[in-house]
Amino acid sequence: MKKFAVILSGSGVFDGAEIHEATLSMYAIKKQGADYGVFAPDIMQHHVINHITGEEMPEARNVLVESARIARGKIQPLSKFNPAEFDALLFPGGFGAAKNLSTFAFDGPDCKVNADVEKAVMQIHNAGKPIGALCIAPVLLAKILGKGQLTIGQDKGTAGAIEKLGATHKNTGHGEVVFDKENKLFTTPCYMLDANIAQIGDGAENIVKAMLEYLGSRGL
């Protein structure tokens, strides 16, 4: 049974992991006969957003603790990630990828990436295993690897930032998956487009299917 490491960035689209993308990705993995383990960095969130008003709240939350809400408590600190135990890496989107896992939301191409995130990506990449990213999360791969063909949908500003980081952007629509064969990267736009939950489910299903087909074709 193939096993994915799913990396979360909190709980909630505006300050953490996008819950629909995270949940439907885990559902797709299990539905297609694979398994997963969930990880998140043990760090404080950049800030906490009221998801009704969009306003910042005067409190502090931990990314690992918040991500545990989605994982139902079955989660490990990303510092304990062991690449030998997994066949693939998957990043759901949400602003947490650009605020907690990196500083892309604030610094654009000049952003920094969390050290544990960068380490996990490089370990899997160097091992020749596939990496998937949904929504805004592909910016992490562009920043860390400085190469690759990726998609975040059709947003010109974000696409331009990705290309400044050394990657190539490809415009896509709902449910489409871009596969970079050379770098073993799989990306899909999800909520970077004006999408509904069914379209998010299609994207999650398609990216997991593509990654599993790759793993099967390579005998990995």
Protein backbone atom coordinates (compact mmCIF):
# COMPACT_ATOMS: atom_id res chain seq x y z
CA MET A 1 0.00 0.00 0.00
CA LYS A 2 1.39 3.39 -1.03
CA LYS A 3 1.63 6.00 1.69
CA PHE A 4 1.43 9.78 1.40
CA ALA A 5 2.77 12.31 3.87
CA VAL A 6 0.18 15.12 3.99
CA ILE A 7 1.61 18.41 5.24
CA LEU A 8 -0.85 20.81 6.87
CA SER A 9 -0.43 24.47 7.81
CA GLY A 10 -3.16 25.03 10.38
CA SER A 11 -6.94 24.85 10.15
CA GLY A 12 -8.86 27.34 8.03
CA VAL A 13 -8.35 28.91 4.63
CA PHE A 14 -7.36 32.43 5.74
CA ASP A 15 -4.70 31.51 8.29
CA GLY A 16 -4.04 27.78 7.87
CA ALA A 17 -4.74 24.79 5.65
CA GLU A 18 -7.78 24.92 3.38
CA ILE A 19 -10.06 22.40 5.08
CA HIS A 20 -11.91 21.19 1.96
CA GLU A 21 -8.64 20.61 0.11
CA ALA A 22 -7.04 18.86 3.07
CA THR A 23 -10.01 16.63 3.86
CA LEU A 24 -10.82 15.73 0.27
CA SER A 25 -7.15 14.93 -0.40
CA MET A 26 -7.09 12.49 2.50
CA TYR A 27 -10.41 11.04 1.32
CA ALA A 28 -9.02 10.61 -2.22
CA ILE A 29 -5.93 8.86 -0.90
CA LYS A 30 -7.93 6.32 1.10
CA LYS A 31 -10.61 5.93 -1.57
CA GLN A 32 -7.97 5.00 -4.12
CA GLY A 33 -6.42 2.31 -1.93
CA ALA A 34 -3.50 4.18 -0.41
CA ASP A 35 -2.80 5.47 3.09
CA TYR A 36 -1.46 8.66 4.64
CA GLY A 37 0.24 10.17 7.66
CA VAL A 38 -0.29 13.80 8.63
CA PHE A 39 2.40 16.29 9.65
CA ALA A 40 2.66 19.98 10.48
CA PRO A 41 5.45 22.19 11.79
CA ASP A 42 5.34 22.83 15.53
CA ILE A 43 5.39 26.63 15.22
CA MET A 44 3.09 29.55 15.96
CA GLN A 45 0.76 30.79 13.24
CA HIS A 46 1.57 34.15 11.68
CA HIS A 47 -1.82 35.38 12.93
CA VAL A 48 -5.37 34.23 13.59
CA ILE A 49 -8.22 35.34 11.31
CA ASN A 50 -11.93 35.47 12.12
CA HIS A 51 -13.31 33.48 9.20
CA ILE A 52 -16.66 35.31 9.37
CA THR A 53 -15.39 38.89 9.30
CA GLY A 54 -11.92 38.42 7.82
CA GLU A 55 -10.48 40.46 10.67
CA GLU A 56 -7.37 39.55 12.64
CA MET A 57 -8.05 38.29 16.17
CA PRO A 58 -6.02 39.17 19.29
CA GLU A 59 -4.82 35.65 20.04
CA ALA A 60 -2.09 33.19 19.15
CA ARG A 61 -2.41 29.62 17.90
CA ASN A 62 0.01 26.80 17.12
CA VAL A 63 0.14 25.34 13.60
CA LEU A 64 0.56 21.74 14.79
CA VAL A 65 -2.25 22.02 17.35
CA GLU A 66 -4.62 23.61 14.83
CA SER A 67 -3.75 21.07 12.13
CA ALA A 68 -4.58 18.31 14.60
CA ARG A 69 -8.23 19.39 14.33
CA ILE A 70 -8.28 18.22 10.70
CA ALA A 71 -6.20 15.12 11.43
CA ARG A 72 -8.46 14.16 14.37
CA GLY A 73 -5.40 14.18 16.60
CA LYS A 74 -3.42 11.69 14.50
CA ILE A 75 -0.56 13.98 13.54
CA GLN A 76 3.18 14.34 14.09
CA PRO A 77 5.52 17.33 14.17
CA LEU A 78 7.10 17.79 10.77
CA SER A 79 10.51 17.65 12.46
CA LYS A 80 9.89 13.92 12.95
CA PHE A 81 9.18 13.23 9.27
CA ASN A 82 11.05 10.18 7.97
CA PRO A 83 11.10 10.09 4.14
CA ALA A 84 11.89 6.37 4.13
CA GLU A 85 8.40 5.67 5.50
CA PHE A 86 6.52 7.43 2.68
CA ASP A 87 6.14 7.13 -1.08
CA ALA A 88 4.94 10.67 -1.79
CA LEU A 89 4.47 14.13 -0.29
CA LEU A 90 1.27 16.19 -0.61
CA PHE A 91 0.58 19.82 0.32
CA PRO A 92 -3.04 21.05 0.47
CA GLY A 93 -3.40 24.79 -0.05
CA GLY A 94 -4.83 27.59 2.06
CA PHE A 95 -3.15 30.82 3.14
CA GLY A 96 -1.26 28.84 5.79
CA ALA A 97 1.06 27.61 3.03
CA ALA A 98 1.89 31.24 2.24
CA LYS A 99 1.82 32.56 5.82
CA ASN A 100 3.01 29.73 8.06
CA LEU A 101 4.93 27.30 5.87
CA SER A 102 6.49 30.26 4.09
CA THR A 103 6.31 34.05 3.98
CA PHE A 104 5.12 34.17 0.36
CA ALA A 105 1.94 36.10 1.28
CA PHE A 106 4.07 38.97 2.55
CA ASP A 107 7.35 38.74 0.65
CA GLY A 108 6.43 37.20 -2.71
CA PRO A 109 9.47 35.81 -4.56
CA ASP A 110 11.74 37.02 -1.74
CA CYS A 111 9.96 34.75 0.74
CA LYS A 112 11.52 32.33 3.18
CA VAL A 113 10.33 28.73 3.71
CA ASN A 114 10.07 26.94 7.04
CA ALA A 115 13.20 24.83 7.54
CA ASP A 116 11.30 21.60 8.23
CA VAL A 117 9.18 22.09 5.10
CA GLU A 118 12.26 22.67 2.97
CA LYS A 119 13.98 19.63 4.46
CA ALA A 120 11.00 17.34 3.80
CA VAL A 121 10.67 18.54 0.19
CA MET A 122 14.37 18.09 -0.52
CA GLN A 123 14.45 14.64 1.08
CA ILE A 124 11.56 13.39 -1.02
CA HIS A 125 12.82 15.12 -4.16
CA ASN A 126 16.34 13.73 -3.76
CA ALA A 127 14.87 10.27 -3.23
CA GLY A 128 13.13 10.51 -6.61
CA LYS A 129 9.66 10.35 -5.09
CA PRO A 130 6.69 12.46 -6.27
CA ILE A 131 5.47 15.67 -4.63
CA GLY A 132 1.96 17.07 -5.02
CA ALA A 133 0.68 20.55 -4.23
CA LEU A 134 -2.78 22.08 -4.41
CA CYS A 135 -3.95 25.69 -4.76
CA ILE A 136 -1.26 28.17 -3.59
CA ALA A 137 1.06 25.44 -2.21
CA PRO A 138 3.03 25.07 -5.48
CA VAL A 139 4.83 28.32 -4.60
CA LEU A 140 6.64 26.31 -1.91
CA LEU A 141 8.06 23.98 -4.56
CA ALA A 142 9.06 26.86 -6.80
CA LYS A 143 10.90 28.56 -3.96
CA ILE A 144 12.63 25.43 -2.63
CA LEU A 145 13.56 23.80 -5.94
CA GLY A 146 13.92 26.88 -8.12
CA LYS A 147 12.65 24.92 -11.12
CA GLY A 148 9.80 22.82 -12.42
CA GLN A 149 6.55 23.22 -14.34
CA LEU A 150 3.72 24.12 -11.98
CA THR A 151 0.19 25.53 -11.91
CA ILE A 152 -1.77 27.74 -9.53
CA GLY A 153 -4.58 28.15 -12.06
CA GLN A 154 -4.72 31.44 -13.95
CA ASP A 155 -3.74 34.22 -11.53
CA LYS A 156 -1.21 36.36 -13.42
CA GLY A 157 0.42 37.88 -10.33
CA THR A 158 1.11 34.57 -8.60
CA ALA A 159 2.12 32.93 -11.88
CA GLY A 160 4.61 35.73 -12.43
CA ALA A 161 6.05 35.25 -8.95
CA ILE A 162 6.47 31.53 -9.61
CA GLU A 163 8.40 32.27 -12.79
CA LYS A 164 10.62 34.76 -10.94
CA LEU A 165 11.53 31.86 -8.65
CA GLY A 166 12.79 29.85 -11.61
CA ALA A 167 9.79 27.62 -12.29
CA THR A 168 7.50 27.61 -15.34
CA HIS A 169 3.79 28.26 -14.91
CA LYS A 170 1.02 26.61 -16.95
CA ASN A 171 -2.53 27.95 -16.91
CA THR A 172 -5.14 25.35 -15.96
CA GLY A 173 -8.84 24.97 -15.26
CA HIS A 174 -10.86 23.05 -12.69
CA GLY A 175 -9.57 19.58 -11.89
CA GLU A 176 -6.60 19.76 -14.23
CA VAL A 177 -3.26 18.40 -13.05
CA VAL A 178 0.12 19.52 -14.31
CA PHE A 179 2.73 16.75 -14.19
CA ASP A 180 6.37 17.73 -14.36
CA LYS A 181 7.93 14.40 -15.31
CA GLU A 182 11.53 15.55 -14.89
CA ASN A 183 11.06 16.82 -11.33
CA LYS A 184 8.21 14.47 -10.35
CA LEU A 185 5.90 17.34 -9.39
CA PHE A 186 2.10 17.28 -9.54
CA THR A 187 0.04 20.46 -9.11
CA THR A 188 -3.63 21.44 -9.42
CA PRO A 189 -5.33 24.84 -8.90
CA CYS A 190 -8.34 24.10 -6.63
CA TYR A 191 -9.45 27.30 -4.85
CA MET A 192 -6.98 29.48 -6.73
CA LEU A 193 -9.87 29.39 -9.19
CA ASP A 194 -13.46 30.38 -8.35
CA ALA A 195 -14.44 26.84 -7.39
CA ASN A 196 -17.10 24.89 -5.52
CA ILE A 197 -16.49 21.93 -3.24
CA ALA A 198 -17.31 19.39 -5.97
CA GLN A 199 -14.61 20.90 -8.18
CA ILE A 200 -12.18 20.76 -5.26
CA GLY A 201 -13.04 17.08 -4.88
CA ASP A 202 -12.28 16.55 -8.57
CA GLY A 203 -8.90 18.24 -8.19
CA ALA A 204 -7.98 16.22 -5.12
CA GLU A 205 -9.08 12.96 -6.76
CA ASN A 206 -7.23 13.71 -9.98
CA ILE A 207 -3.92 14.69 -8.39
CA VAL A 208 -3.90 11.65 -6.10
CA LYS A 209 -4.82 9.39 -9.04
CA ALA A 210 -2.03 10.84 -11.16
CA MET A 211 0.52 10.39 -8.38
CA LEU A 212 -0.53 6.80 -7.71
CA GLU A 213 -0.40 5.98 -11.43
CA TYR A 214 3.10 7.39 -11.55
CA LEU A 215 4.17 5.36 -8.54
CA GLY A 216 2.72 2.23 -10.11
CA SER A 217 4.31 2.84 -13.49
CA ARG A 218 7.73 3.34 -11.91
CA GLY A 219 7.42 0.35 -9.62
CA LEU A 220 8.07 2.62 -6.65
